[in-house]
């Protein structure tokens, strides 16, 4: 059974940092495309970062602030988020390339 479990969300002040983690199981992680997608209140899903075969990809609005990393020995993919802005507030989802989603973790950036 495929599973993606996100953790690490929370409330942070503008300019702060959070690190999200996604633990994967039930599929061959090493070769899987792994993405982070977020959904802000009242808006549609927004892809923000991906990792595949040693390469990483970012949405322009998070380049230089967010870093995706993965540990294939632990089947985890993390998203380090720095210099957070109120507009980064959203539910963040870990998504396996074939379209399987985790349950999401809430990130709220507010003073």
PDB file of N, CA and C in Angstrom:
ATOM      1  N   UNK A   1       0.849  -1.194   0.000  1.00  0.00           N
ATOM      2  CA  UNK A   1       0.000   0.000   0.000  1.00  0.00           C
ATOM      3  C   UNK A   1       0.888   1.249   0.000  1.00  0.00           C
ATOM      4  N   UNK A   2       0.639   2.127  -0.930  1.00  0.00           N
ATOM      5  CA  UNK A   2       1.413   3.362  -0.991  1.00  0.00           C
ATOM      6  C   UNK A   2       1.002   4.294   0.145  1.00  0.00           C
ATOM      7  N   UNK A   3       2.009   4.940   0.727  1.00  0.00           N
ATOM      8  CA  UNK A   3       1.745   5.930   1.774  1.00  0.00           C
ATOM      9  C   UNK A   3       2.710   7.075   1.662  1.00  0.00           C
ATOM     10  N   UNK A   4       2.202   8.283   1.876  1.00  0.00           N
ATOM     11  CA  UNK A   4       3.017   9.488   1.990  1.00  0.00           C
ATOM     12  C   UNK A   4       2.536  10.216   3.230  1.00  0.00           C
ATOM     13  N   UNK A   5       3.441  10.463   4.167  1.00  0.00           N
ATOM     14  CA  UNK A   5       3.070  11.106   5.417  1.00  0.00           C
ATOM     15  C   UNK A   5       3.933  12.345   5.616  1.00  0.00           C
ATOM     16  N   UNK A   6       3.275  13.501   5.572  1.00  0.00           N
ATOM     17  CA  UNK A   6       3.990  14.760   5.752  1.00  0.00           C
ATOM     18  C   UNK A   6       4.023  15.161   7.222  1.00  0.00           C
ATOM     19  N   UNK A   7       5.045  15.908   7.572  1.00  0.00           N
ATOM     20  CA  UNK A   7       5.160  16.451   8.924  1.00  0.00           C
ATOM     21  C   UNK A   7       5.973  17.733   8.869  1.00  0.00           C
ATOM     22  N   UNK A   8       5.915  18.504   9.952  1.00  0.00           N
ATOM     23  CA  UNK A   8       6.764  19.682  10.068  1.00  0.00           C
ATOM     24  C   UNK A   8       6.079  21.009   9.863  1.00  0.00           C
ATOM     25  N   UNK A   9       4.803  21.001   9.546  1.00  0.00           N
ATOM     26  CA  UNK A   9       4.099  22.265   9.380  1.00  0.00           C
ATOM     27  C   UNK A   9       3.886  22.972  10.709  1.00  0.00           C
ATOM     28  N   UNK A  10       3.376  24.196  10.623  1.00  0.00           N
ATOM     29  CA  UNK A  10       3.112  24.943  11.835  1.00  0.00           C
ATOM     30  C   UNK A  10       2.937  26.416  11.557  1.00  0.00           C
ATOM     31  N   UNK A  11       2.965  27.184  12.629  1.00  0.00           N
ATOM     32  CA  UNK A  11       2.831  28.642  12.560  1.00  0.00           C
ATOM     33  C   UNK A  11       4.214  29.267  12.697  1.00  0.00           C
ATOM     34  N   UNK A  12       4.537  30.169  11.793  1.00  0.00           N
ATOM     35  CA  UNK A  12       5.840  30.826  11.821  1.00  0.00           C
ATOM     36  C   UNK A  12       5.656  32.292  11.442  1.00  0.00           C
ATOM     37  N   UNK A  13       6.522  33.135  11.980  1.00  0.00           N
ATOM     38  CA  UNK A  13       6.453  34.555  11.648  1.00  0.00           C
ATOM     39  C   UNK A  13       7.071  34.817  10.283  1.00  0.00           C
ATOM     40  N   UNK A  14       6.664  35.886   9.634  1.00  0.00           N
ATOM     41  CA  UNK A  14       7.301  36.249   8.364  1.00  0.00           C
ATOM     42  C   UNK A  14       8.811  36.356   8.532  1.00  0.00           C
ATOM     43  N   UNK A  15       9.534  35.817   7.548  1.00  0.00           N
ATOM     44  CA  UNK A  15      10.982  35.778   7.616  1.00  0.00           C
ATOM     45  C   UNK A  15      11.537  34.540   8.282  1.00  0.00           C
ATOM     46  N   UNK A  16      10.676  33.761   8.875  1.00  0.00           N
ATOM     47  CA  UNK A  16      11.105  32.554   9.571  1.00  0.00           C
ATOM     48  C   UNK A  16      11.292  31.368   8.646  1.00  0.00           C
ATOM     49  N   UNK A  17      11.605  30.231   9.252  1.00  0.00           N
ATOM     50  CA  UNK A  17      11.891  29.016   8.497  1.00  0.00           C
ATOM     51  C   UNK A  17      11.091  27.843   9.047  1.00  0.00           C
ATOM     52  N   UNK A  18      10.819  26.904   8.174  1.00  0.00           N
ATOM     53  CA  UNK A  18      10.230  25.619   8.545  1.00  0.00           C
ATOM     54  C   UNK A  18      10.844  24.557   7.651  1.00  0.00           C
ATOM     55  N   UNK A  19      10.883  23.349   8.167  1.00  0.00           N
ATOM     56  CA  UNK A  19      11.336  22.218   7.368  1.00  0.00           C
ATOM     57  C   UNK A  19      10.234  21.174   7.362  1.00  0.00           C
ATOM     58  N   UNK A  20       9.727  20.883   6.174  1.00  0.00           N
ATOM     59  CA  UNK A  20       8.722  19.840   6.007  1.00  0.00           C
ATOM     60  C   UNK A  20       9.412  18.539   5.630  1.00  0.00           C
ATOM     61  N   UNK A  21       8.822  17.449   6.077  1.00  0.00           N
ATOM     62  CA  UNK A  21       9.352  16.144   5.728  1.00  0.00           C
ATOM     63  C   UNK A  21       8.225  15.246   5.240  1.00  0.00           C
ATOM     64  N   UNK A  22       8.544  14.373   4.313  1.00  0.00           N
ATOM     65  CA  UNK A  22       7.579  13.419   3.779  1.00  0.00           C
ATOM     66  C   UNK A  22       8.204  12.030   3.822  1.00  0.00           C
ATOM     67  N   UNK A  23       7.545  11.139   4.525  1.00  0.00           N
ATOM     68  CA  UNK A  23       8.004   9.750   4.612  1.00  0.00           C
ATOM     69  C   UNK A  23       7.180   8.914   3.656  1.00  0.00           C
ATOM     70  N   UNK A  24       7.858   8.193   2.776  1.00  0.00           N
ATOM     71  CA  UNK A  24       7.182   7.432   1.728  1.00  0.00           C
ATOM     72  C   UNK A  24       7.338   5.931   1.946  1.00  0.00           C
ATOM     73  N   UNK A  25       6.344   5.189   1.511  1.00  0.00           N
ATOM     74  CA  UNK A  25       6.418   3.730   1.559  1.00  0.00           C
ATOM     75  C   UNK A  25       5.476   3.141   0.535  1.00  0.00           C
ATOM     76  N   UNK A  26       5.739   1.881   0.181  1.00  0.00           N
ATOM     77  CA  UNK A  26       4.834   1.172  -0.713  1.00  0.00           C
ATOM     78  C   UNK A  26       5.149   1.295  -2.186  1.00  0.00           C
ATOM     79  N   UNK A  27       6.290   1.925  -2.537  1.00  0.00           N
ATOM     80  CA  UNK A  27       6.695   2.006  -3.940  1.00  0.00           C
ATOM     81  C   UNK A  27       8.213   2.184  -3.971  1.00  0.00           C
ATOM     82  N   UNK A  28       8.771   2.063  -5.167  1.00  0.00           N
ATOM     83  CA  UNK A  28      10.225   2.189  -5.318  1.00  0.00           C
ATOM     84  C   UNK A  28      10.576   3.666  -5.290  1.00  0.00           C
ATOM     85  N   UNK A  29      11.056   4.122  -4.150  1.00  0.00           N
ATOM     86  CA  UNK A  29      11.261   5.548  -3.932  1.00  0.00           C
ATOM     87  C   UNK A  29      12.405   6.111  -4.761  1.00  0.00           C
ATOM     88  N   UNK A  30      13.482   5.341  -4.888  1.00  0.00           N
ATOM     89  CA  UNK A  30      14.710   5.876  -5.484  1.00  0.00           C
ATOM     90  C   UNK A  30      14.486   6.446  -6.879  1.00  0.00           C
ATOM     91  N   UNK A  31      13.617   5.832  -7.648  1.00  0.00           N
ATOM     92  CA  UNK A  31      13.402   6.283  -9.020  1.00  0.00           C
ATOM     93  C   UNK A  31      12.132   7.112  -9.175  1.00  0.00           C
ATOM     94  N   UNK A  32      11.453   7.371  -8.086  1.00  0.00           N
ATOM     95  CA  UNK A  32      10.187   8.100  -8.153  1.00  0.00           C
ATOM     96  C   UNK A  32      10.422   9.603  -8.262  1.00  0.00           C
ATOM     97  N   UNK A  33       9.614  10.241  -9.076  1.00  0.00           N
ATOM     98  CA  UNK A  33       9.551  11.707  -9.087  1.00  0.00           C
ATOM     99  C   UNK A  33       8.751  12.128  -7.853  1.00  0.00           C
ATOM    100  N   UNK A  34       9.327  13.003  -7.057  1.00  0.00           N
ATOM    101  CA  UNK A  34       8.649  13.464  -5.848  1.00  0.00           C
ATOM    102  C   UNK A  34       8.475  14.972  -5.918  1.00  0.00           C
ATOM    103  N   UNK A  35       7.289  15.417  -5.594  1.00  0.00           N
ATOM    104  CA  UNK A  35       6.951  16.834  -5.681  1.00  0.00           C
ATOM    105  C   UNK A  35       6.385  17.348  -4.368  1.00  0.00           C
ATOM    106  N   UNK A  36       6.514  18.635  -4.194  1.00  0.00           N
ATOM    107  CA  UNK A  36       5.758  19.347  -3.164  1.00  0.00           C
ATOM    108  C   UNK A  36       4.776  20.276  -3.876  1.00  0.00           C
ATOM    109  N   UNK A  37       3.533  20.204  -3.453  1.00  0.00           N
ATOM    110  CA  UNK A  37       2.447  21.011  -4.014  1.00  0.00           C
ATOM    111  C   UNK A  37       1.740  21.680  -2.850  1.00  0.00           C
ATOM    112  N   UNK A  38       1.314  22.900  -3.024  1.00  0.00           N
ATOM    113  CA  UNK A  38       0.592  23.571  -1.949  1.00  0.00           C
ATOM    114  C   UNK A  38      -0.748  24.082  -2.437  1.00  0.00           C
ATOM    115  N   UNK A  39      -1.640  24.260  -1.492  1.00  0.00           N
ATOM    116  CA  UNK A  39      -2.946  24.815  -1.807  1.00  0.00           C
ATOM    117  C   UNK A  39      -3.328  25.826  -0.743  1.00  0.00           C
ATOM    118  N   UNK A  40      -3.416  27.071  -1.170  1.00  0.00           N
ATOM    119  CA  UNK A  40      -3.808  28.152  -0.269  1.00  0.00           C
ATOM    120  C   UNK A  40      -5.330  28.206  -0.173  1.00  0.00           C
ATOM    121  N   UNK A  41      -5.844  28.797   0.888  1.00  0.00           N
ATOM    122  CA  UNK A  41      -7.300  28.884   1.043  1.00  0.00           C
ATOM    123  C   UNK A  41      -7.956  29.565  -0.159  1.00  0.00           C
ATOM    124  N   UNK A  42      -8.959  28.925  -0.708  1.00  0.00           N
ATOM    125  CA  UNK A  42      -9.702  29.506  -1.809  1.00  0.00           C
ATOM    126  C   UNK A  42      -9.013  29.448  -3.159  1.00  0.00           C
ATOM    127  N   UNK A  43      -7.862  28.775  -3.217  1.00  0.00           N
ATOM    128  CA  UNK A  43      -7.118  28.694  -4.475  1.00  0.00           C
ATOM    129  C   UNK A  43      -6.891  27.243  -4.882  1.00  0.00           C
ATOM    130  N   UNK A  44      -6.496  27.058  -6.119  1.00  0.00           N
ATOM    131  CA  UNK A  44      -6.201  25.719  -6.599  1.00  0.00           C
ATOM    132  C   UNK A  44      -4.809  25.270  -6.196  1.00  0.00           C
ATOM    133  N   UNK A  45      -4.497  24.003  -6.400  1.00  0.00           N
ATOM    134  CA  UNK A  45      -3.166  23.486  -6.090  1.00  0.00           C
ATOM    135  C   UNK A  45      -2.090  24.172  -6.919  1.00  0.00           C
ATOM    136  N   UNK A  46      -0.935  24.352  -6.302  1.00  0.00           N
ATOM    137  CA  UNK A  46       0.190  25.031  -6.960  1.00  0.00           C
ATOM    138  C   UNK A  46       1.444  24.194  -6.761  1.00  0.00           C
ATOM    139  N   UNK A  47       2.018  23.695  -7.864  1.00  0.00           N
ATOM    140  CA  UNK A  47       3.274  22.954  -7.773  1.00  0.00           C
ATOM    141  C   UNK A  47       4.375  23.915  -7.373  1.00  0.00           C
ATOM    142  N   UNK A  48       5.241  23.501  -6.438  1.00  0.00           N
ATOM    143  CA  UNK A  48       6.305  24.399  -6.020  1.00  0.00           C
ATOM    144  C   UNK A  48       7.696  23.800  -6.162  1.00  0.00           C
ATOM    145  N   UNK A  49       7.842  22.495  -6.099  1.00  0.00           N
ATOM    146  CA  UNK A  49       9.180  21.937  -6.209  1.00  0.00           C
ATOM    147  C   UNK A  49       9.106  20.448  -6.526  1.00  0.00           C
ATOM    148  N   UNK A  50      10.148  19.956  -7.208  1.00  0.00           N
ATOM    149  CA  UNK A  50      10.210  18.540  -7.538  1.00  0.00           C
ATOM    150  C   UNK A  50      11.628  18.021  -7.507  1.00  0.00           C
ATOM    151  N   UNK A  51      11.732  16.706  -7.375  1.00  0.00           N
ATOM    152  CA  UNK A  51      13.039  16.051  -7.337  1.00  0.00           C
ATOM    153  C   UNK A  51      12.952  14.754  -8.123  1.00  0.00           C
ATOM    154  N   UNK A  52      13.923  14.569  -9.044  1.00  0.00           N
ATOM    155  CA  UNK A  52      13.909  13.352  -9.839  1.00  0.00           C
ATOM    156  C   UNK A  52      15.307  13.065 -10.362  1.00  0.00           C
ATOM    157  N   UNK A  53      15.790  11.863 -10.115  1.00  0.00           N
ATOM    158  CA  UNK A  53      17.045  11.387 -10.684  1.00  0.00           C
ATOM    159  C   UNK A  53      18.180  12.391 -10.500  1.00  0.00           C
ATOM    160  N   UNK A  54      18.275  12.930  -9.303  1.00  0.00           N
ATOM    161  CA  UNK A  54      19.372  13.826  -8.985  1.00  0.00           C
ATOM    162  C   UNK A  54      19.157  15.275  -9.373  1.00  0.00           C
ATOM    163  N   UNK A  55      18.033  15.564  -9.991  1.00  0.00           N
ATOM    164  CA  UNK A  55      17.758  16.933 -10.391  1.00  0.00           C
ATOM    165  C   UNK A  55      16.650  17.524  -9.519  1.00  0.00           C
ATOM    166  N   UNK A  56      16.696  18.815  -9.348  1.00  0.00           N
ATOM    167  CA  UNK A  56      15.677  19.507  -8.569  1.00  0.00           C
ATOM    168  C   UNK A  56      15.086  20.643  -9.388  1.00  0.00           C
ATOM    169  N   UNK A  57      13.841  20.950  -9.087  1.00  0.00           N
ATOM    170  CA  UNK A  57      13.092  21.947  -9.850  1.00  0.00           C
ATOM    171  C   UNK A  57      12.286  22.796  -8.880  1.00  0.00           C
ATOM    172  N   UNK A  58      12.125  24.065  -9.223  1.00  0.00           N
ATOM    173  CA  UNK A  58      11.425  24.991  -8.329  1.00  0.00           C
ATOM    174  C   UNK A  58      10.540  25.950  -9.126  1.00  0.00           C
ATOM    175  N   UNK A  59       9.447  26.302  -8.480  1.00  0.00           N
ATOM    176  CA  UNK A  59       8.638  27.397  -8.993  1.00  0.00           C
ATOM    177  C   UNK A  59       9.413  28.687  -8.772  1.00  0.00           C
ATOM    178  N   UNK A  60       9.259  29.629  -9.693  1.00  0.00           N
ATOM    179  CA  UNK A  60      10.027  30.870  -9.595  1.00  0.00           C
ATOM    180  C   UNK A  60       9.825  31.577  -8.259  1.00  0.00           C
ATOM    181  N   UNK A  61       8.609  31.548  -7.747  1.00  0.00           N
ATOM    182  CA  UNK A  61       8.301  32.318  -6.536  1.00  0.00           C
ATOM    183  C   UNK A  61       8.988  31.768  -5.287  1.00  0.00           C
ATOM    184  N   UNK A  62       9.537  30.559  -5.360  1.00  0.00           N
ATOM    185  CA  UNK A  62      10.203  29.993  -4.186  1.00  0.00           C
ATOM    186  C   UNK A  62      11.695  29.774  -4.419  1.00  0.00           C
ATOM    187  N   UNK A  63      12.175  30.021  -5.626  1.00  0.00           N
ATOM    188  CA  UNK A  63      13.597  29.842  -5.906  1.00  0.00           C
ATOM    189  C   UNK A  63      14.434  30.714  -4.993  1.00  0.00           C
ATOM    190  N   UNK A  64      15.489  30.128  -4.440  1.00  0.00           N
ATOM    191  CA  UNK A  64      16.359  30.862  -3.537  1.00  0.00           C
ATOM    192  C   UNK A  64      15.883  30.881  -2.100  1.00  0.00           C
ATOM    193  N   UNK A  65      14.635  30.473  -1.877  1.00  0.00           N
ATOM    194  CA  UNK A  65      14.099  30.432  -0.509  1.00  0.00           C
ATOM    195  C   UNK A  65      13.829  28.998  -0.051  1.00  0.00           C
ATOM    196  N   UNK A  66      13.387  28.159  -0.956  1.00  0.00           N
ATOM    197  CA  UNK A  66      13.040  26.772  -0.632  1.00  0.00           C
ATOM    198  C   UNK A  66      14.082  25.834  -1.228  1.00  0.00           C
ATOM    199  N   UNK A  67      14.351  24.752  -0.511  1.00  0.00           N
ATOM    200  CA  UNK A  67      15.273  23.731  -1.000  1.00  0.00           C
ATOM    201  C   UNK A  67      14.667  22.358  -0.779  1.00  0.00           C
ATOM    202  N   UNK A  68      14.564  21.590  -1.869  1.00  0.00           N
ATOM    203  CA  UNK A  68      14.074  20.220  -1.767  1.00  0.00           C
ATOM    204  C   UNK A  68      15.265  19.280  -1.656  1.00  0.00           C
ATOM    205  N   UNK A  69      15.134  18.275  -0.831  1.00  0.00           N
ATOM    206  CA  UNK A  69      16.195  17.272  -0.715  1.00  0.00           C
ATOM    207  C   UNK A  69      15.547  15.925  -0.415  1.00  0.00           C
ATOM    208  N   UNK A  70      16.247  14.873  -0.766  1.00  0.00           N
ATOM    209  CA  UNK A  70      15.704  13.546  -0.531  1.00  0.00           C
ATOM    210  C   UNK A  70      16.791  12.623  -0.013  1.00  0.00           C
ATOM    211  N   UNK A  71      16.374  11.663   0.780  1.00  0.00           N
ATOM    212  CA  UNK A  71      17.277  10.637   1.275  1.00  0.00           C
ATOM    213  C   UNK A  71      16.710   9.302   0.815  1.00  0.00           C
ATOM    214  N   UNK A  72      17.292   8.760  -0.226  1.00  0.00           N
ATOM    215  CA  UNK A  72      16.765   7.520  -0.801  1.00  0.00           C
ATOM    216  C   UNK A  72      16.977   6.320   0.128  1.00  0.00           C
ATOM    217  N   UNK A  73      17.890   6.435   1.075  1.00  0.00           N
ATOM    218  CA  UNK A  73      18.097   5.330   2.018  1.00  0.00           C
ATOM    219  C   UNK A  73      17.008   5.306   3.083  1.00  0.00           C
ATOM    220  N   UNK A  74      16.365   6.449   3.289  1.00  0.00           N
ATOM    221  CA  UNK A  74      15.300   6.544   4.301  1.00  0.00           C
ATOM    222  C   UNK A  74      13.918   6.747   3.681  1.00  0.00           C
ATOM    223  N   UNK A  75      13.868   6.842   2.360  1.00  0.00           N
ATOM    224  CA  UNK A  75      12.599   7.089   1.656  1.00  0.00           C
ATOM    225  C   UNK A  75      11.913   8.357   2.164  1.00  0.00           C
ATOM    226  N   UNK A  76      12.704   9.417   2.262  1.00  0.00           N
ATOM    227  CA  UNK A  76      12.139  10.682   2.691  1.00  0.00           C
ATOM    228  C   UNK A  76      12.496  11.787   1.713  1.00  0.00           C
ATOM    229  N   UNK A  77      11.616  12.756   1.604  1.00  0.00           N
ATOM    230  CA  UNK A  77      11.885  13.963   0.828  1.00  0.00           C
ATOM    231  C   UNK A  77      11.474  15.150   1.684  1.00  0.00           C
ATOM    232  N   UNK A  78      12.385  16.089   1.830  1.00  0.00           N
ATOM    233  CA  UNK A  78      12.176  17.239   2.690  1.00  0.00           C
ATOM    234  C   UNK A  78      12.060  18.515   1.870  1.00  0.00           C
ATOM    235  N   UNK A  79      11.464  19.519   2.489  1.00  0.00           N
ATOM    236  CA  UNK A  79      11.403  20.847   1.889  1.00  0.00           C
ATOM    237  C   UNK A  79      11.801  21.853   2.963  1.00  0.00           C
ATOM    238  N   UNK A  80      12.994  22.412   2.805  1.00  0.00           N
ATOM    239  CA  UNK A  80      13.448  23.459   3.704  1.00  0.00           C
ATOM    240  C   UNK A  80      12.943  24.787   3.180  1.00  0.00           C
ATOM    241  N   UNK A  81      12.211  25.503   4.022  1.00  0.00           N
ATOM    242  CA  UNK A  81      11.598  26.757   3.597  1.00  0.00           C
ATOM    243  C   UNK A  81      12.150  27.887   4.457  1.00  0.00           C
ATOM    244  N   UNK A  82      12.828  28.812   3.816  1.00  0.00           N
ATOM    245  CA  UNK A  82      13.401  29.969   4.505  1.00  0.00           C
ATOM    246  C   UNK A  82      12.740  31.246   4.011  1.00  0.00           C
ATOM    247  N   UNK A  83      12.959  32.315   4.755  1.00  0.00           N
ATOM    248  CA  UNK A  83      12.421  33.633   4.378  1.00  0.00           C
ATOM    249  C   UNK A  83      10.941  33.546   4.031  1.00  0.00           C
ATOM    250  N   UNK A  84      10.201  32.895   4.891  1.00  0.00           N
ATOM    251  CA  UNK A  84       8.777  32.668   4.606  1.00  0.00           C
ATOM    252  C   UNK A  84       7.989  33.965   4.598  1.00  0.00           C
ATOM    253  N   UNK A  85       6.991  33.984   3.731  1.00  0.00           N
ATOM    254  CA  UNK A  85       6.132  35.146   3.536  1.00  0.00           C
ATOM    255  C   UNK A  85       4.689  34.759   3.841  1.00  0.00           C
ATOM    256  N   UNK A  86       3.849  35.722   4.178  1.00  0.00           N
ATOM    257  CA  UNK A  86       2.440  35.395   4.419  1.00  0.00           C
ATOM    258  C   UNK A  86       1.794  34.669   3.236  1.00  0.00           C
ATOM    259  N   UNK A  87       2.220  34.999   2.036  1.00  0.00           N
ATOM    260  CA  UNK A  87       1.635  34.348   0.862  1.00  0.00           C
ATOM    261  C   UNK A  87       2.077  32.896   0.696  1.00  0.00           C
ATOM    262  N   UNK A  88       2.984  32.427   1.536  1.00  0.00           N
ATOM    263  CA  UNK A  88       3.352  31.010   1.540  1.00  0.00           C
ATOM    264  C   UNK A  88       2.380  30.178   2.379  1.00  0.00           C
ATOM    265  N   UNK A  89       1.461  30.851   3.047  1.00  0.00           N
ATOM    266  CA  UNK A  89       0.475  30.132   3.858  1.00  0.00           C
ATOM    267  C   UNK A  89      -0.368  29.213   2.983  1.00  0.00           C
ATOM    268  N   UNK A  90      -0.391  27.936   3.335  1.00  0.00           N
ATOM    269  CA  UNK A  90      -1.109  26.937   2.532  1.00  0.00           C
ATOM    270  C   UNK A  90      -1.011  25.587   3.226  1.00  0.00           C
ATOM    271  N   UNK A  91      -1.775  24.646   2.713  1.00  0.00           N
ATOM    272  CA  UNK A  91      -1.549  23.243   3.051  1.00  0.00           C
ATOM    273  C   UNK A  91      -0.536  22.711   2.048  1.00  0.00           C
ATOM    274  N   UNK A  92       0.510  22.101   2.547  1.00  0.00           N
ATOM    275  CA  UNK A  92       1.575  21.578   1.708  1.00  0.00           C
ATOM    276  C   UNK A  92       1.443  20.059   1.601  1.00  0.00           C
ATOM    277  N   UNK A  93       1.479  19.583   0.360  1.00  0.00           N
ATOM    278  CA  UNK A  93       1.308  18.167   0.088  1.00  0.00           C
ATOM    279  C   UNK A  93       2.562  17.594  -0.558  1.00  0.00           C
ATOM    280  N   UNK A  94       2.902  16.406  -0.154  1.00  0.00           N
ATOM    281  CA  UNK A  94       3.911  15.605  -0.831  1.00  0.00           C
ATOM    282  C   UNK A  94       3.171  14.777  -1.883  1.00  0.00           C
ATOM    283  N   UNK A  95       3.674  14.795  -3.111  1.00  0.00           N
ATOM    284  CA  UNK A  95       2.972  14.122  -4.206  1.00  0.00           C
ATOM    285  C   UNK A  95       3.953  13.261  -4.993  1.00  0.00           C
ATOM    286  N   UNK A  96       3.634  11.996  -5.098  1.00  0.00           N
ATOM    287  CA  UNK A  96       4.434  11.088  -5.916  1.00  0.00           C
ATOM    288  C   UNK A  96       4.083  11.302  -7.383  1.00  0.00           C
ATOM    289  N   UNK A  97       5.074  11.171  -8.239  1.00  0.00           N
ATOM    290  CA  UNK A  97       4.910  11.559  -9.637  1.00  0.00           C
ATOM    291  C   UNK A  97       3.702  10.991 -10.353  1.00  0.00           C
ATOM    292  N   UNK A  98       3.275   9.815  -9.977  1.00  0.00           N
ATOM    293  CA  UNK A  98       2.128   9.204 -10.646  1.00  0.00           C
ATOM    294  C   UNK A  98       0.804   9.775 -10.177  1.00  0.00           C
ATOM    295  N   UNK A  99       0.862  10.693  -9.199  1.00  0.00           N
ATOM    296  CA  UNK A  99      -0.361  11.356  -8.777  1.00  0.00           C
ATOM    297  C   UNK A  99      -0.893  10.948  -7.435  1.00  0.00           C
ATOM    298  N   UNK A 100      -0.074  10.277  -6.633  1.00  0.00           N
ATOM    299  CA  UNK A 100      -0.507   9.891  -5.297  1.00  0.00           C
ATOM    300  C   UNK A 100      -0.116  10.989  -4.304  1.00  0.00           C
ATOM    301  N   UNK A 101      -1.091  11.446  -3.516  1.00  0.00           N
ATOM    302  CA  UNK A 101      -0.908  12.569  -2.603  1.00  0.00           C
ATOM    303  C   UNK A 101      -0.894  12.110  -1.148  1.00  0.00           C
ATOM    304  N   UNK A 102      -0.093  12.830  -0.346  1.00  0.00           N
ATOM    305  CA  UNK A 102      -0.190  12.654   1.087  1.00  0.00           C
ATOM    306  C   UNK A 102      -1.383  13.423   1.632  1.00  0.00           C
ATOM    307  N   UNK A 103      -1.498  13.422   2.962  1.00  0.00           N
ATOM    308  CA  UNK A 103      -2.656  14.077   3.585  1.00  0.00           C
ATOM    309  C   UNK A 103      -2.453  15.572   3.780  1.00  0.00           C
ATOM    310  N   UNK A 104      -1.224  16.031   3.653  1.00  0.00           N
ATOM    311  CA  UNK A 104      -0.934  17.454   3.752  1.00  0.00           C
ATOM    312  C   UNK A 104      -0.572  17.913   5.156  1.00  0.00           C
ATOM    313  N   UNK A 105       0.147  19.022   5.212  1.00  0.00           N
ATOM    314  CA  UNK A 105       0.499  19.638   6.488  1.00  0.00           C
ATOM    315  C   UNK A 105       0.335  21.152   6.350  1.00  0.00           C
ATOM    316  N   UNK A 106      -0.273  21.760   7.352  1.00  0.00           N
ATOM    317  CA  UNK A 106      -0.595  23.184   7.285  1.00  0.00           C
ATOM    318  C   UNK A 106       0.625  24.028   7.619  1.00  0.00           C
ATOM    319  N   UNK A 107       0.876  25.021   6.787  1.00  0.00           N
ATOM    320  CA  UNK A 107       1.903  26.029   7.057  1.00  0.00           C
ATOM    321  C   UNK A 107       1.210  27.382   7.104  1.00  0.00           C
ATOM    322  N   UNK A 108       1.375  28.082   8.216  1.00  0.00           N
ATOM    323  CA  UNK A 108       0.787  29.400   8.370  1.00  0.00           C
ATOM    324  C   UNK A 108       1.893  30.395   8.696  1.00  0.00           C
ATOM    325  N   UNK A 109       1.999  31.426   7.864  1.00  0.00           N
ATOM    326  CA  UNK A 109       3.008  32.466   8.055  1.00  0.00           C
ATOM    327  C   UNK A 109       2.275  33.743   8.451  1.00  0.00           C
ATOM    328  N   UNK A 110       2.458  34.123   9.695  1.00  0.00           N
ATOM    329  CA  UNK A 110       1.707  35.262  10.213  1.00  0.00           C
ATOM    330  C   UNK A 110       2.402  35.832  11.434  1.00  0.00           C
ATOM    331  N   UNK A 111       2.294  37.130  11.593  1.00  0.00           N
ATOM    332  CA  UNK A 111       2.830  37.766  12.798  1.00  0.00           C
ATOM    333  C   UNK A 111       1.750  37.874  13.863  1.00  0.00           C
TER     334      UNK A 111
END
